[in-house]
C-alpha atoms as a PDB file:
ATOM      1  CA  MET A   1      -2.872  13.101 -10.386  1.00  0.00           C
ATOM      2  CA  ALA A   2      -5.868  10.990  -9.293  1.00  0.00           C
ATOM      3  CA  ARG A   3      -5.960   7.749  -8.239  1.00  0.00           C
ATOM      4  CA  ARG A   4      -8.951   5.577  -9.803  1.00  0.00           C
ATOM      5  CA  ARG A   5     -10.904   3.493  -7.625  1.00  0.00           C
ATOM      6  CA  HIS A   6     -11.417  -0.083  -9.163  1.00  0.00           C
ATOM      7  CA  HIS A   7     -13.839  -1.459  -6.169  1.00  0.00           C
ATOM      8  CA  ASP A   8     -16.260   0.917  -5.107  1.00  0.00           C
ATOM      9  CA  GLY A   9     -18.780  -1.642  -3.721  1.00  0.00           C
ATOM     10  CA  LEU A  10     -16.810  -2.666  -0.521  1.00  0.00           C
ATOM     11  CA  SER A  11     -18.451  -2.476   2.718  1.00  0.00           C
ATOM     12  CA  ALA A  12     -16.732  -1.357   5.916  1.00  0.00           C
ATOM     13  CA  GLN A  13     -16.562  -4.593   7.304  1.00  0.00           C
ATOM     14  CA  GLN A  14     -14.545  -6.079   4.528  1.00  0.00           C
ATOM     15  CA  VAL A  15     -12.431  -2.858   4.358  1.00  0.00           C
ATOM     16  CA  SER A  16     -11.645  -3.369   8.207  1.00  0.00           C
ATOM     17  CA  ASN A  17     -11.037  -7.185   7.901  1.00  0.00           C
ATOM     18  CA  TYR A  18      -8.677  -6.652   4.791  1.00  0.00           C
ATOM     19  CA  LEU A  19      -6.620  -3.672   6.726  1.00  0.00           C
ATOM     20  CA  SER A  20      -6.414  -6.572   9.430  1.00  0.00           C
ATOM     21  CA  ASN A  21      -5.342  -9.726   7.312  1.00  0.00           C
ATOM     22  CA  SER A  22      -4.382  -7.575   3.793  1.00  0.00           C
ATOM     23  CA  GLY A  23      -2.694 -10.945   2.143  1.00  0.00           C
ATOM     24  CA  ARG A  24      -6.669 -12.182   0.779  1.00  0.00           C
ATOM     25  CA  CYS A  25      -9.103 -10.643  -1.085  1.00  0.00           C
ATOM     26  CA  PRO A  26     -11.040  -8.176   0.330  1.00  0.00           C
ATOM     27  CA  VAL A  27     -14.094  -9.775  -1.374  1.00  0.00           C
ATOM     28  CA  CYS A  28     -14.100 -13.419  -1.638  1.00  0.00           C
ATOM     29  CA  GLY A  29     -11.566 -14.459   1.008  1.00  0.00           C
ATOM     30  CA  SER A  30      -8.916 -15.340  -1.527  1.00  0.00           C
ATOM     31  CA  GLY A  31      -5.016 -16.139  -0.767  1.00  0.00           C
ATOM     32  CA  ASN A  32      -4.403 -15.860  -4.675  1.00  0.00           C
ATOM     33  CA  ILE A  33      -3.426 -11.826  -5.181  1.00  0.00           C
ATOM     34  CA  GLU A  34      -1.234  -9.991  -7.162  1.00  0.00           C
ATOM     35  CA  GLY A  35      -0.080  -6.872  -6.962  1.00  0.00           C
ATOM     36  CA  SER A  36       1.362  -4.453  -9.884  1.00  0.00           C
ATOM     37  CA  HIS A  37       4.341  -2.360  -9.419  1.00  0.00           C
ATOM     38  CA  MET A  38       3.966   0.861  -6.353  1.00  0.00           C
ATOM     39  CA  GLU A  39       2.953   4.269  -7.244  1.00  0.00           C
ATOM     40  CA  ALA A  40       4.069   7.070  -5.236  1.00  0.00           C
ATOM     41  CA  ASP A  41       2.815  10.852  -5.541  1.00  0.00           C
ATOM     42  CA  CYS A  42       4.171  13.400  -2.371  1.00  0.00           C
ATOM     43  CA  ASP A  43       2.616  11.936   0.692  1.00  0.00           C
ATOM     44  CA  SER A  44       1.365   8.772  -0.178  1.00  0.00           C
ATOM     45  CA  ALA A  45       2.004   5.917  -2.203  1.00  0.00           C
ATOM     46  CA  TRP A  46      -0.829   2.710  -3.592  1.00  0.00           C
ATOM     47  CA  GLN A  47      -0.360  -0.188  -5.694  1.00  0.00           C
ATOM     48  CA  ASN A  48      -2.633  -2.065  -8.017  1.00  0.00           C
ATOM     49  CA  VAL A  49      -3.920  -5.824  -6.308  1.00  0.00           C
ATOM     50  CA  THR A  50      -6.302  -8.603  -8.480  1.00  0.00           C
ATOM     51  CA  CYS A  51      -7.562 -11.259  -7.337  1.00  0.00           C
ATOM     52  CA  GLN A  52      -6.638 -14.117  -9.480  1.00  0.00           C
ATOM     53  CA  ASP A  53      -9.793 -15.866  -8.394  1.00  0.00           C
ATOM     54  CA  CYS A  54     -12.902 -13.790  -8.321  1.00  0.00           C
ATOM     55  CA  GLU A  55     -10.737 -11.032 -10.704  1.00  0.00           C
ATOM     56  CA  ALA A  56     -11.391  -7.712  -8.117  1.00  0.00           C
ATOM     57  CA  ASN A  57      -9.042  -5.278  -8.547  1.00  0.00           C
ATOM     58  CA  TRP A  58      -8.703  -2.574  -5.580  1.00  0.00           C
ATOM     59  CA  ASP A  59      -5.933  -0.437  -4.114  1.00  0.00           C
ATOM     60  CA  ASP A  60      -3.897  -0.856  -1.517  1.00  0.00           C
ATOM     61  CA  ILE A  61      -2.810   3.070   0.008  1.00  0.00           C
ATOM     62  CA  TYR A  62       0.360   3.659   1.943  1.00  0.00           C
ATOM     63  CA  ARG A  63       1.004   6.646   3.515  1.00  0.00           C
ATOM     64  CA  LEU A  64       4.169   8.015   5.010  1.00  0.00           C
ATOM     65  CA  VAL A  65       3.748   7.323   9.349  1.00  0.00           C
ATOM     66  CA  GLY A  66       7.543   7.574  10.496  1.00  0.00           C
ATOM     67  CA  VAL A  67      10.882   8.445   9.892  1.00  0.00           C
ATOM     68  CA  GLU A  68      14.028   6.572  11.103  1.00  0.00           C
ATOM     69  CA  LEU A  69      17.275   7.672  10.804  1.00  0.00           C
ATOM     70  CA  GLN A  70      19.864   5.155   9.637  1.00  0.00           C
ATOM     71  CA  THR A  71      22.773   4.005  12.256  1.00  0.00           C
ATOM     72  CA  GLU A  72      26.483   5.615  11.805  1.00  0.00           C
ATOM     73  CA  ASN A  73      24.884   8.222   9.452  1.00  0.00           C
ATOM     74  CA  ALA A  74      24.537   5.788   6.290  1.00  0.00           C
ATOM     75  CA  GLY A  75      23.405   7.675   3.746  1.00  0.00           C
ATOM     76  CA  VAL A  76      23.498  10.883   5.386  1.00  0.00           C
ATOM     77  CA  PRO A  77      25.273  14.015   3.319  1.00  0.00           C
ATOM     78  CA  PRO A  78      28.737  15.017   4.715  1.00  0.00           C
ATOM     79  CA  TRP A  79      27.422  18.545   5.250  1.00  0.00           C
ATOM     80  CA  LEU A  80      24.288  16.769   7.526  1.00  0.00           C
ATOM     81  CA  SER A  81      26.533  14.912   9.985  1.00  0.00           C
ATOM     82  CA  ARG A  82      28.547  17.452  11.073  1.00  0.00           C
ATOM     83  CA  ILE A  83      25.377  19.358  12.531  1.00  0.00           C
END
């Protein structure tokens, strides 16, 4: 399923600023932003975010960048812990 793009008019500088400080609206700089529930597909997840001040609407996009096995085999199936 293709994700909607809510605010295509962001400049490269706005995107860069937002990625280094994602707690603020990339359009107006307000910290008054709210995220909805997370959605995911096989290799990424996203969350719709809205600025409560300027009403800009965008998706935060997340990608899998690593994996860490939990300590003491927590959550590991018994057959896997014997390997």
